[in-house]
PDB file of N, CA and C in Angstrom:
ATOM      1  N   MET A   1       3.770  45.039 -11.215  1.00  0.00           N
ATOM      2  CA  MET A   1       2.911  44.082 -11.892  1.00  0.00           C
ATOM      3  C   MET A   1       3.427  42.655 -11.694  1.00  0.00           C
ATOM      4  N   LYS A   2       4.763  42.494 -11.725  1.00  0.00           N
ATOM      5  CA  LYS A   2       5.361  41.178 -11.562  1.00  0.00           C
ATOM      6  C   LYS A   2       5.078  40.627 -10.161  1.00  0.00           C
ATOM      7  N   LYS A   3       5.151  41.480  -9.137  1.00  0.00           N
ATOM      8  CA  LYS A   3       4.879  41.045  -7.767  1.00  0.00           C
ATOM      9  C   LYS A   3       3.436  40.585  -7.628  1.00  0.00           C
ATOM     10  N   PHE A   4       2.539  41.331  -8.247  1.00  0.00           N
ATOM     11  CA  PHE A   4       1.120  40.989  -8.176  1.00  0.00           C
ATOM     12  C   PHE A   4       0.867  39.627  -8.827  1.00  0.00           C
ATOM     13  N   THR A   5       1.482  39.363  -9.972  1.00  0.00           N
ATOM     14  CA  THR A   5       1.310  38.098 -10.680  1.00  0.00           C
ATOM     15  C   THR A   5       1.861  36.937  -9.843  1.00  0.00           C
ATOM     16  N   LEU A   6       3.031  37.137  -9.255  1.00  0.00           N
ATOM     17  CA  LEU A   6       3.616  36.104  -8.417  1.00  0.00           C
ATOM     18  C   LEU A   6       2.753  35.825  -7.187  1.00  0.00           C
ATOM     19  N   MET A   7       2.185  36.888  -6.604  1.00  0.00           N
ATOM     20  CA  MET A   7       1.331  36.721  -5.435  1.00  0.00           C
ATOM     21  C   MET A   7       0.080  35.904  -5.792  1.00  0.00           C
ATOM     22  N   ILE A   8      -0.534  36.212  -6.926  1.00  0.00           N
ATOM     23  CA  ILE A   8      -1.735  35.478  -7.374  1.00  0.00           C
ATOM     24  C   ILE A   8      -1.378  34.012  -7.652  1.00  0.00           C
ATOM     25  N   ALA A   9      -0.233  33.779  -8.286  1.00  0.00           N
ATOM     26  CA  ALA A   9       0.191  32.403  -8.572  1.00  0.00           C
ATOM     27  C   ALA A   9       0.434  31.647  -7.273  1.00  0.00           C
ATOM     28  N   GLY A  10       1.070  32.297  -6.302  1.00  0.00           N
ATOM     29  CA  GLY A  10       1.318  31.656  -5.012  1.00  0.00           C
ATOM     30  C   GLY A  10       0.035  31.318  -4.290  1.00  0.00           C
ATOM     31  N   LEU A  11      -0.949  32.209  -4.343  1.00  0.00           N
ATOM     32  CA  LEU A  11      -2.245  31.933  -3.705  1.00  0.00           C
ATOM     33  C   LEU A  11      -2.959  30.771  -4.391  1.00  0.00           C
ATOM     34  N   GLY A  12      -2.832  30.707  -5.710  1.00  0.00           N
ATOM     35  CA  GLY A  12      -3.453  29.601  -6.449  1.00  0.00           C
ATOM     36  C   GLY A  12      -2.853  28.265  -6.068  1.00  0.00           C
ATOM     37  N   ILE A  13      -1.529  28.235  -5.939  1.00  0.00           N
ATOM     38  CA  ILE A  13      -0.864  26.987  -5.548  1.00  0.00           C
ATOM     39  C   ILE A  13      -1.254  26.599  -4.128  1.00  0.00           C
ATOM     40  N   ALA A  14      -1.274  27.578  -3.226  1.00  0.00           N
ATOM     41  CA  ALA A  14      -1.648  27.300  -1.838  1.00  0.00           C
ATOM     42  C   ALA A  14      -3.079  26.794  -1.753  1.00  0.00           C
ATOM     43  N   ALA A  15      -3.980  27.402  -2.519  1.00  0.00           N
ATOM     44  CA  ALA A  15      -5.380  26.982  -2.492  1.00  0.00           C
ATOM     45  C   ALA A  15      -5.547  25.573  -3.050  1.00  0.00           C
ATOM     46  N   ALA A  16      -4.698  25.193  -4.006  1.00  0.00           N
ATOM     47  CA  ALA A  16      -4.804  23.863  -4.602  1.00  0.00           C
ATOM     48  C   ALA A  16      -4.246  22.786  -3.675  1.00  0.00           C
ATOM     49  N   THR A  17      -3.255  23.113  -2.864  1.00  0.00           N
ATOM     50  CA  THR A  17      -2.631  22.092  -2.022  1.00  0.00           C
ATOM     51  C   THR A  17      -3.338  21.896  -0.690  1.00  0.00           C
ATOM     52  N   ILE A  18      -4.032  22.869  -0.197  1.00  0.00           N
ATOM     53  CA  ILE A  18      -4.692  22.753   1.111  1.00  0.00           C
ATOM     54  C   ILE A  18      -5.711  21.615   1.144  1.00  0.00           C
ATOM     55  N   PRO A  19      -6.596  21.469   0.145  1.00  0.00           N
ATOM     56  CA  PRO A  19      -7.540  20.342   0.207  1.00  0.00           C
ATOM     57  C   PRO A  19      -6.859  18.982   0.185  1.00  0.00           C
ATOM     58  N   SER A  20      -5.778  18.829  -0.579  1.00  0.00           N
ATOM     59  CA  SER A  20      -5.118  17.524  -0.626  1.00  0.00           C
ATOM     60  C   SER A  20      -4.437  17.207   0.696  1.00  0.00           C
ATOM     61  N   VAL A  21      -3.880  18.200   1.371  1.00  0.00           N
ATOM     62  CA  VAL A  21      -3.273  17.976   2.676  1.00  0.00           C
ATOM     63  C   VAL A  21      -4.349  17.615   3.686  1.00  0.00           C
ATOM     64  N   ALA A  22      -5.465  18.299   3.640  1.00  0.00           N
ATOM     65  CA  ALA A  22      -6.548  18.018   4.582  1.00  0.00           C
ATOM     66  C   ALA A  22      -7.118  16.624   4.369  1.00  0.00           C
ATOM     67  N   SER A  23      -7.268  16.211   3.114  1.00  0.00           N
ATOM     68  CA  SER A  23      -7.814  14.871   2.878  1.00  0.00           C
ATOM     69  C   SER A  23      -6.814  13.796   3.271  1.00  0.00           C
ATOM     70  N   ALA A  24      -5.526  14.050   3.105  1.00  0.00           N
ATOM     71  CA  ALA A  24      -4.519  13.067   3.520  1.00  0.00           C
ATOM     72  C   ALA A  24      -4.520  12.909   5.034  1.00  0.00           C
ATOM     73  N   GLN A  25      -4.811  13.967   5.775  1.00  0.00           N
ATOM     74  CA  GLN A  25      -4.841  13.879   7.223  1.00  0.00           C
ATOM     75  C   GLN A  25      -6.036  13.064   7.708  1.00  0.00           C
ATOM     76  N   ASN A  26      -7.109  13.026   6.937  1.00  0.00           N
ATOM     77  CA  ASN A  26      -8.289  12.259   7.325  1.00  0.00           C
ATOM     78  C   ASN A  26      -8.019  10.764   7.324  1.00  0.00           C
ATOM     79  N   TYR A  27      -7.058  10.307   6.542  1.00  0.00           N
ATOM     80  CA  TYR A  27      -6.766   8.891   6.451  1.00  0.00           C
ATOM     81  C   TYR A  27      -5.726   8.424   7.451  1.00  0.00           C
ATOM     82  N   GLY A  28      -5.108   9.327   8.196  1.00  0.00           N
ATOM     83  CA  GLY A  28      -4.119   8.928   9.188  1.00  0.00           C
ATOM     84  C   GLY A  28      -2.875   8.385   8.529  1.00  0.00           C
ATOM     85  N   ASN A  29      -2.633   7.079   8.653  1.00  0.00           N
ATOM     86  CA  ASN A  29      -1.442   6.452   8.078  1.00  0.00           C
ATOM     87  C   ASN A  29      -1.701   5.928   6.674  1.00  0.00           C
ATOM     88  N   TRP A  30      -2.560   6.567   5.948  1.00  0.00           N
ATOM     89  CA  TRP A  30      -2.929   6.138   4.611  1.00  0.00           C
ATOM     90  C   TRP A  30      -1.723   6.142   3.693  1.00  0.00           C
ATOM     91  N   GLN A  31      -1.576   5.075   2.908  1.00  0.00           N
ATOM     92  CA  GLN A  31      -0.529   4.976   1.897  1.00  0.00           C
ATOM     93  C   GLN A  31      -1.186   4.677   0.564  1.00  0.00           C
ATOM     94  N   PRO A  32      -0.613   5.186  -0.512  1.00  0.00           N
ATOM     95  CA  PRO A  32      -1.140   4.810  -1.829  1.00  0.00           C
ATOM     96  C   PRO A  32      -1.035   3.296  -2.024  1.00  0.00           C
ATOM     97  N   ILE A  33      -1.891   2.757  -2.860  1.00  0.00           N
ATOM     98  CA  ILE A  33      -1.937   1.312  -3.077  1.00  0.00           C
ATOM     99  C   ILE A  33      -0.591   0.790  -3.563  1.00  0.00           C
ATOM    100  N   ASN A  34       0.040   1.500  -4.495  1.00  0.00           N
ATOM    101  CA  ASN A  34       1.326   1.028  -5.019  1.00  0.00           C
ATOM    102  C   ASN A  34       2.386   0.983  -3.935  1.00  0.00           C
ATOM    103  N   ALA A  35       2.363   1.936  -3.013  1.00  0.00           N
ATOM    104  CA  ALA A  35       3.333   1.942  -1.911  1.00  0.00           C
ATOM    105  C   ALA A  35       3.079   0.761  -0.978  1.00  0.00           C
ATOM    106  N   ARG A  36       1.803   0.469  -0.727  1.00  0.00           N
ATOM    107  CA  ARG A  36       1.483  -0.679   0.135  1.00  0.00           C
ATOM    108  C   ARG A  36       1.933  -1.980  -0.516  1.00  0.00           C
ATOM    109  N   GLN A  37       1.694  -2.109  -1.826  1.00  0.00           N
ATOM    110  CA  GLN A  37       2.109  -3.318  -2.526  1.00  0.00           C
ATOM    111  C   GLN A  37       3.625  -3.476  -2.474  1.00  0.00           C
ATOM    112  N   ALA A  38       4.339  -2.398  -2.715  1.00  0.00           N
ATOM    113  CA  ALA A  38       5.802  -2.455  -2.684  1.00  0.00           C
ATOM    114  C   ALA A  38       6.292  -2.838  -1.289  1.00  0.00           C
ATOM    115  N   ASN A  39       5.664  -2.300  -0.258  1.00  0.00           N
ATOM    116  CA  ASN A  39       6.047  -2.606   1.117  1.00  0.00           C
ATOM    117  C   ASN A  39       5.793  -4.079   1.452  1.00  0.00           C
ATOM    118  N   LEU A  40       4.640  -4.595   1.063  1.00  0.00           N
ATOM    119  CA  LEU A  40       4.327  -6.001   1.330  1.00  0.00           C
ATOM    120  C   LEU A  40       5.277  -6.923   0.565  1.00  0.00           C
ATOM    121  N   ASP A  41       5.547  -6.591  -0.676  1.00  0.00           N
ATOM    122  CA  ASP A  41       6.467  -7.384  -1.486  1.00  0.00           C
ATOM    123  C   ASP A  41       7.858  -7.391  -0.863  1.00  0.00           C
ATOM    124  N   ARG A  42       8.302  -6.247  -0.393  1.00  0.00           N
ATOM    125  CA  ARG A  42       9.610  -6.151   0.245  1.00  0.00           C
ATOM    126  C   ARG A  42       9.662  -6.992   1.513  1.00  0.00           C
ATOM    127  N   ARG A  43       8.594  -6.967   2.318  1.00  0.00           N
ATOM    128  CA  ARG A  43       8.558  -7.748   3.560  1.00  0.00           C
ATOM    129  C   ARG A  43       8.623  -9.248   3.284  1.00  0.00           C
ATOM    130  N   ILE A  44       7.967  -9.691   2.222  1.00  0.00           N
ATOM    131  CA  ILE A  44       8.040 -11.113   1.851  1.00  0.00           C
ATOM    132  C   ILE A  44       9.465 -11.440   1.405  1.00  0.00           C
ATOM    133  N   ASP A  45      10.056 -10.581   0.586  1.00  0.00           N
ATOM    134  CA  ASP A  45      11.442 -10.810   0.136  1.00  0.00           C
ATOM    135  C   ASP A  45      12.410 -10.891   1.307  1.00  0.00           C
ATOM    136  N   VAL A  46      12.270  -9.985   2.259  1.00  0.00           N
ATOM    137  CA  VAL A  46      13.158  -9.987   3.428  1.00  0.00           C
ATOM    138  C   VAL A  46      12.968 -11.277   4.217  1.00  0.00           C
ATOM    139  N   GLY A  47      11.730 -11.715   4.379  1.00  0.00           N
ATOM    140  CA  GLY A  47      11.467 -12.966   5.094  1.00  0.00           C
ATOM    141  C   GLY A  47      12.092 -14.168   4.420  1.00  0.00           C
ATOM    142  N   ILE A  48      12.085 -14.173   3.094  1.00  0.00           N
ATOM    143  CA  ILE A  48      12.707 -15.269   2.348  1.00  0.00           C
ATOM    144  C   ILE A  48      14.225 -15.217   2.537  1.00  0.00           C
ATOM    145  N   ARG A  49      14.784 -14.024   2.394  1.00  0.00           N
ATOM    146  CA  ARG A  49      16.252 -13.884   2.482  1.00  0.00           C
ATOM    147  C   ARG A  49      16.790 -14.205   3.861  1.00  0.00           C
ATOM    148  N   ASN A  50      16.094 -13.761   4.911  1.00  0.00           N
ATOM    149  CA  ASN A  50      16.652 -13.995   6.252  1.00  0.00           C
ATOM    150  C   ASN A  50      16.196 -15.317   6.858  1.00  0.00           C
ATOM    151  N   GLY A  51      15.370 -16.075   6.140  1.00  0.00           N
ATOM    152  CA  GLY A  51      14.983 -17.399   6.592  1.00  0.00           C
ATOM    153  C   GLY A  51      13.794 -17.428   7.539  1.00  0.00           C
ATOM    154  N   SER A  52      13.159 -16.299   7.781  1.00  0.00           N
ATOM    155  CA  SER A  52      12.005 -16.308   8.682  1.00  0.00           C
ATOM    156  C   SER A  52      10.748 -16.838   7.997  1.00  0.00           C
ATOM    157  N   LEU A  53      10.777 -16.988   6.674  1.00  0.00           N
ATOM    158  CA  LEU A  53       9.680 -17.618   5.928  1.00  0.00           C
ATOM    159  C   LEU A  53      10.217 -18.874   5.260  1.00  0.00           C
ATOM    160  N   ASN A  54       9.504 -19.987   5.429  1.00  0.00           N
ATOM    161  CA  ASN A  54       9.911 -21.179   4.687  1.00  0.00           C
ATOM    162  C   ASN A  54       9.274 -21.145   3.300  1.00  0.00           C
ATOM    163  N   ARG A  55       9.605 -22.107   2.485  1.00  0.00           N
ATOM    164  CA  ARG A  55       9.154 -22.108   1.087  1.00  0.00           C
ATOM    165  C   ARG A  55       7.633 -22.112   0.968  1.00  0.00           C
ATOM    166  N   ASN A  56       6.957 -22.960   1.745  1.00  0.00           N
ATOM    167  CA  ASN A  56       5.499 -23.044   1.651  1.00  0.00           C
ATOM    168  C   ASN A  56       4.833 -21.739   2.081  1.00  0.00           C
ATOM    169  N   GLU A  57       5.314 -21.156   3.152  1.00  0.00           N
ATOM    170  CA  GLU A  57       4.756 -19.880   3.615  1.00  0.00           C
ATOM    171  C   GLU A  57       4.941 -18.801   2.547  1.00  0.00           C
ATOM    172  N   ALA A  58       6.135 -18.748   1.993  1.00  0.00           N
ATOM    173  CA  ALA A  58       6.425 -17.736   0.975  1.00  0.00           C
ATOM    174  C   ALA A  58       5.552 -17.930  -0.262  1.00  0.00           C
ATOM    175  N   MET A  59       5.362 -19.179  -0.674  1.00  0.00           N
ATOM    176  CA  MET A  59       4.521 -19.444  -1.849  1.00  0.00           C
ATOM    177  C   MET A  59       3.071 -19.026  -1.596  1.00  0.00           C
ATOM    178  N   ARG A  60       2.544 -19.346  -0.404  1.00  0.00           N
ATOM    179  CA  ARG A  60       1.164 -18.949  -0.083  1.00  0.00           C
ATOM    180  C   ARG A  60       1.021 -17.430  -0.046  1.00  0.00           C
ATOM    181  N   LEU A  61       1.982 -16.755   0.591  1.00  0.00           N
ATOM    182  CA  LEU A  61       1.914 -15.294   0.688  1.00  0.00           C
ATOM    183  C   LEU A  61       2.043 -14.643  -0.689  1.00  0.00           C
ATOM    184  N   ARG A  62       2.922 -15.162  -1.527  1.00  0.00           N
ATOM    185  CA  ARG A  62       3.079 -14.633  -2.892  1.00  0.00           C
ATOM    186  C   ARG A  62       1.793 -14.835  -3.698  1.00  0.00           C
ATOM    187  N   ALA A  63       1.164 -15.995  -3.553  1.00  0.00           N
ATOM    188  CA  ALA A  63      -0.077 -16.265  -4.282  1.00  0.00           C
ATOM    189  C   ALA A  63      -1.169 -15.289  -3.843  1.00  0.00           C
ATOM    190  N   GLU A  64      -1.263 -15.050  -2.557  1.00  0.00           N
ATOM    191  CA  GLU A  64      -2.255 -14.094  -2.070  1.00  0.00           C
ATOM    192  C   GLU A  64      -1.936 -12.683  -2.557  1.00  0.00           C
ATOM    193  N   PHE A  65      -0.667 -12.348  -2.577  1.00  0.00           N
ATOM    194  CA  PHE A  65      -0.241 -11.038  -3.068  1.00  0.00           C
ATOM    195  C   PHE A  65      -0.621 -10.864  -4.539  1.00  0.00           C
ATOM    196  N   ARG A  66      -0.365 -11.900  -5.361  1.00  0.00           N
ATOM    197  CA  ARG A  66      -0.731 -11.831  -6.779  1.00  0.00           C
ATOM    198  C   ARG A  66      -2.246 -11.709  -6.951  1.00  0.00           C
ATOM    199  N   GLY A  67      -2.995 -12.430  -6.119  1.00  0.00           N
ATOM    200  CA  GLY A  67      -4.443 -12.323  -6.183  1.00  0.00           C
ATOM    201  C   GLY A  67      -4.926 -10.918  -5.880  1.00  0.00           C
ATOM    202  N   LEU A  68      -4.313 -10.278  -4.896  1.00  0.00           N
ATOM    203  CA  LEU A  68      -4.672  -8.892  -4.581  1.00  0.00           C
ATOM    204  C   LEU A  68      -4.316  -7.948  -5.719  1.00  0.00           C
ATOM    205  N   ALA A  69      -3.166  -8.171  -6.339  1.00  0.00           N
ATOM    206  CA  ALA A  69      -2.761  -7.325  -7.465  1.00  0.00           C
ATOM    207  C   ALA A  69      -3.740  -7.487  -8.632  1.00  0.00           C
ATOM    208  N   ASN A  70      -4.188  -8.722  -8.879  1.00  0.00           N
ATOM    209  CA  ASN A  70      -5.171  -8.967  -9.945  1.00  0.00           C
ATOM    210  C   ASN A  70      -6.510  -8.320  -9.620  1.00  0.00           C
ATOM    211  N   LEU A  71      -6.926  -8.419  -8.347  1.00  0.00           N
ATOM    212  CA  LEU A  71      -8.185  -7.789  -7.939  1.00  0.00           C
ATOM    213  C   LEU A  71      -8.109  -6.274  -8.113  1.00  0.00           C
ATOM    214  N   GLU A  72      -6.987  -5.698  -7.733  1.00  0.00           N
ATOM    215  CA  GLU A  72      -6.823  -4.257  -7.899  1.00  0.00           C
ATOM    216  C   GLU A  72      -6.913  -3.864  -9.369  1.00  0.00           C
ATOM    217  N   ALA A  73      -6.291  -4.657 -10.244  1.00  0.00           N
ATOM    218  CA  ALA A  73      -6.338  -4.366 -11.679  1.00  0.00           C
ATOM    219  C   ALA A  73      -7.776  -4.422 -12.196  1.00  0.00           C
ATOM    220  N   ARG A  74      -8.555  -5.394 -11.717  1.00  0.00           N
ATOM    221  CA  ARG A  74      -9.970  -5.473 -12.122  1.00  0.00           C
ATOM    222  C   ARG A  74     -10.750  -4.262 -11.630  1.00  0.00           C
ATOM    223  N   TYR A  75     -10.506  -3.871 -10.383  1.00  0.00           N
ATOM    224  CA  TYR A  75     -11.181  -2.698  -9.840  1.00  0.00           C
ATOM    225  C   TYR A  75     -10.829  -1.438 -10.629  1.00  0.00           C
ATOM    226  N   ARG A  76      -9.581  -1.291 -10.979  1.00  0.00           N
ATOM    227  CA  ARG A  76      -9.123  -0.079 -11.665  1.00  0.00           C
ATOM    228  C   ARG A  76      -9.677   0.027 -13.080  1.00  0.00           C
ATOM    229  N   ARG A  77     -10.021  -1.088 -13.702  1.00  0.00           N
ATOM    230  CA  ARG A  77     -10.588  -1.026 -15.059  1.00  0.00           C
ATOM    231  C   ARG A  77     -11.874  -0.227 -15.090  1.00  0.00           C
ATOM    232  N   GLY A  78     -12.660  -0.335 -14.044  1.00  0.00           N
ATOM    233  CA  GLY A  78     -13.913   0.398 -13.995  1.00  0.00           C
ATOM    234  C   GLY A  78     -13.809   1.688 -13.209  1.00  0.00           C
ATOM    235  N   GLY A  79     -12.638   2.041 -12.759  1.00  0.00           N
ATOM    236  CA  GLY A  79     -12.473   3.208 -11.902  1.00  0.00           C
ATOM    237  C   GLY A  79     -12.579   2.771 -10.453  1.00  0.00           C
ATOM    238  N   LEU A  80     -11.645   3.156  -9.652  1.00  0.00           N
ATOM    239  CA  LEU A  80     -11.568   2.701  -8.263  1.00  0.00           C
ATOM    240  C   LEU A  80     -12.525   3.520  -7.400  1.00  0.00           C
ATOM    241  N   SER A  81     -13.597   2.890  -6.930  1.00  0.00           N
ATOM    242  CA  SER A  81     -14.572   3.579  -6.088  1.00  0.00           C
ATOM    243  C   SER A  81     -14.103   3.571  -4.632  1.00  0.00           C
ATOM    244  N   ILE A  82     -14.777   4.324  -3.794  1.00  0.00           N
ATOM    245  CA  ILE A  82     -14.445   4.370  -2.368  1.00  0.00           C
ATOM    246  C   ILE A  82     -14.612   2.984  -1.730  1.00  0.00           C
ATOM    247  N   GLY A  83     -15.691   2.292  -2.086  1.00  0.00           N
ATOM    248  CA  GLY A  83     -15.931   0.954  -1.542  1.00  0.00           C
ATOM    249  C   GLY A  83     -14.852  -0.029  -1.959  1.00  0.00           C
ATOM    250  N   GLU A  84     -14.432   0.056  -3.217  1.00  0.00           N
ATOM    251  CA  GLU A  84     -13.366  -0.823  -3.682  1.00  0.00           C
ATOM    252  C   GLU A  84     -12.048  -0.487  -2.997  1.00  0.00           C
ATOM    253  N   ARG A  85     -11.795   0.791  -2.796  1.00  0.00           N
ATOM    254  CA  ARG A  85     -10.582   1.203  -2.084  1.00  0.00           C
ATOM    255  C   ARG A  85     -10.593   0.643  -0.658  1.00  0.00           C
ATOM    256  N   ARG A  86     -11.745   0.733   0.012  1.00  0.00           N
ATOM    257  CA  ARG A  86     -11.860   0.184   1.370  1.00  0.00           C
ATOM    258  C   ARG A  86     -11.660  -1.328   1.376  1.00  0.00           C
ATOM    259  N   ASP A  87     -12.221  -2.007   0.373  1.00  0.00           N
ATOM    260  CA  ASP A  87     -12.053  -3.453   0.275  1.00  0.00           C
ATOM    261  C   ASP A  87     -10.572  -3.799   0.101  1.00  0.00           C
ATOM    262  N   LEU A  88      -9.875  -3.087  -0.778  1.00  0.00           N
ATOM    263  CA  LEU A  88      -8.443  -3.333  -0.968  1.00  0.00           C
ATOM    264  C   LEU A  88      -7.667  -3.041   0.307  1.00  0.00           C
ATOM    265  N   ASP A  89      -7.995  -1.956   0.980  1.00  0.00           N
ATOM    266  CA  ASP A  89      -7.317  -1.628   2.242  1.00  0.00           C
ATOM    267  C   ASP A  89      -7.488  -2.742   3.266  1.00  0.00           C
ATOM    268  N   ARG A  90      -8.711  -3.248   3.386  1.00  0.00           N
ATOM    269  CA  ARG A  90      -8.985  -4.327   4.337  1.00  0.00           C
ATOM    270  C   ARG A  90      -8.184  -5.578   3.978  1.00  0.00           C
ATOM    271  N   ARG A  91      -8.154  -5.914   2.696  1.00  0.00           N
ATOM    272  CA  ARG A  91      -7.413  -7.093   2.250  1.00  0.00           C
ATOM    273  C   ARG A  91      -5.901  -6.920   2.426  1.00  0.00           C
ATOM    274  N   PHE A  92      -5.397  -5.710   2.151  1.00  0.00           N
ATOM    275  CA  PHE A  92      -3.980  -5.443   2.363  1.00  0.00           C
ATOM    276  C   PHE A  92      -3.634  -5.528   3.846  1.00  0.00           C
ATOM    277  N   ASP A  93      -4.518  -5.039   4.698  1.00  0.00           N
ATOM    278  CA  ASP A  93      -4.289  -5.146   6.145  1.00  0.00           C
ATOM    279  C   ASP A  93      -4.219  -6.606   6.580  1.00  0.00           C
ATOM    280  N   ALA A  94      -5.122  -7.429   6.044  1.00  0.00           N
ATOM    281  CA  ALA A  94      -5.135  -8.850   6.401  1.00  0.00           C
ATOM    282  C   ALA A  94      -3.860  -9.544   5.918  1.00  0.00           C
ATOM    283  N   LEU A  95      -3.424  -9.231   4.695  1.00  0.00           N
ATOM    284  CA  LEU A  95      -2.191  -9.826   4.188  1.00  0.00           C
ATOM    285  C   LEU A  95      -0.994  -9.371   5.012  1.00  0.00           C
ATOM    286  N   SER A  96      -0.973  -8.118   5.381  1.00  0.00           N
ATOM    287  CA  SER A  96       0.109  -7.596   6.210  1.00  0.00           C
ATOM    288  C   SER A  96       0.177  -8.337   7.545  1.00  0.00           C
ATOM    289  N   ALA A  97      -0.978  -8.583   8.150  1.00  0.00           N
ATOM    290  CA  ALA A  97      -1.015  -9.312   9.425  1.00  0.00           C
ATOM    291  C   ALA A  97      -0.524 -10.747   9.243  1.00  0.00           C
ATOM    292  N   ARG A  98      -0.900 -11.395   8.115  1.00  0.00           N
ATOM    293  CA  ARG A  98      -0.440 -12.762   7.859  1.00  0.00           C
ATOM    294  C   ARG A  98       1.073 -12.806   7.644  1.00  0.00           C
ATOM    295  N   ILE A  99       1.601 -11.809   6.933  1.00  0.00           N
ATOM    296  CA  ILE A  99       3.052 -11.766   6.728  1.00  0.00           C
ATOM    297  C   ILE A  99       3.749 -11.634   8.076  1.00  0.00           C
ATOM    298  N   LYS A 100       3.245 -10.770   8.916  1.00  0.00           N
ATOM    299  CA  LYS A 100       3.842 -10.582  10.243  1.00  0.00           C
ATOM    300  C   LYS A 100       3.793 -11.880  11.043  1.00  0.00           C
ATOM    301  N   TYR A 101       2.636 -12.531  11.027  1.00  0.00           N
ATOM    302  CA  TYR A 101       2.487 -13.780  11.771  1.00  0.00           C
ATOM    303  C   TYR A 101       3.456 -14.845  11.251  1.00  0.00           C
ATOM    304  N   GLU A 102       3.481 -15.029   9.923  1.00  0.00           N
ATOM    305  CA  GLU A 102       4.312 -16.076   9.334  1.00  0.00           C
ATOM    306  C   GLU A 102       5.799 -15.811   9.558  1.00  0.00           C
ATOM    307  N   ARG A 103       6.193 -14.551   9.561  1.00  0.00           N
ATOM    308  CA  ARG A 103       7.617 -14.245   9.766  1.00  0.00           C
ATOM    309  C   ARG A 103       8.045 -14.439  11.212  1.00  0.00           C
ATOM    310  N   HIS A 104       7.093 -14.447  12.141  1.00  0.00           N
ATOM    311  CA  HIS A 104       7.441 -14.557  13.558  1.00  0.00           C
ATOM    312  C   HIS A 104       6.959 -15.856  14.204  1.00  0.00           C
ATOM    313  N   ASP A 105       6.537 -16.829  13.402  1.00  0.00           N
ATOM    314  CA  ASP A 105       6.010 -18.066  13.978  1.00  0.00           C
ATOM    315  C   ASP A 105       7.079 -19.138  14.214  1.00  0.00           C
ATOM    316  N   ARG A 106       8.311 -18.819  13.980  1.00  0.00           N
ATOM    317  CA  ARG A 106       9.458 -19.724  14.220  1.00  0.00           C
ATOM    318  C   ARG A 106       9.376 -21.002  13.394  1.00  0.00           C
ATOM    319  N   GLN A 107       8.759 -20.918  12.239  1.00  0.00           N
ATOM    320  CA  GLN A 107       8.750 -22.052  11.312  1.00  0.00           C
ATOM    321  C   GLN A 107       9.566 -21.706  10.073  1.00  0.00           C
ATOM    322  N   GLY A 108      10.632 -21.015  10.282  1.00  0.00           N
ATOM    323  CA  GLY A 108      11.456 -20.550   9.170  1.00  0.00           C
ATOM    324  C   GLY A 108      12.139 -21.674   8.428  1.00  0.00           C
ATOM    325  N   ARG A 109      12.969 -21.276   7.529  1.00  0.00           N
ATOM    326  CA  ARG A 109      13.711 -22.221   6.691  1.00  0.00           C
ATOM    327  C   ARG A 109      14.582 -23.102   7.582  1.00  0.00           C
ATOM    328  N   ARG A 110      14.615 -24.379   7.280  1.00  0.00           N
ATOM    329  CA  ARG A 110      15.439 -25.338   8.015  1.00  0.00           C
ATOM    330  C   ARG A 110      16.785 -25.444   7.345  1.00  0.00           C
ATOM    331  N   TYR A 111      17.838 -25.336   8.087  1.00  0.00           N
ATOM    332  CA  TYR A 111      19.192 -25.345   7.511  1.00  0.00           C
ATOM    333  C   TYR A 111      19.747 -26.709   7.439  1.00  0.00           C
TER     334      TYR A 111
END
């Protein structure tokens, strides 16, 4: 009886995880919003510390980052829809590209 119960429990767990794995594969390199925010914040911090971002660049990027965080909070109040998720993804991609550009434009901190 114990083996049968364990087998049923194992099948239930397997059945519950298969759809989430399949949906994660549909997004490719999809990351949760909080992970993307943490990654972008870390990249700005690294740019400030190593001098690849000057003060003005860092302030602009931080302001845009805060704006995205505020927009996400507004979206989440009403429940995050697929369209809102896509909008956030697009905006995060654009901010990521700007961070990359600003960190490699050779206008870093002047010593």
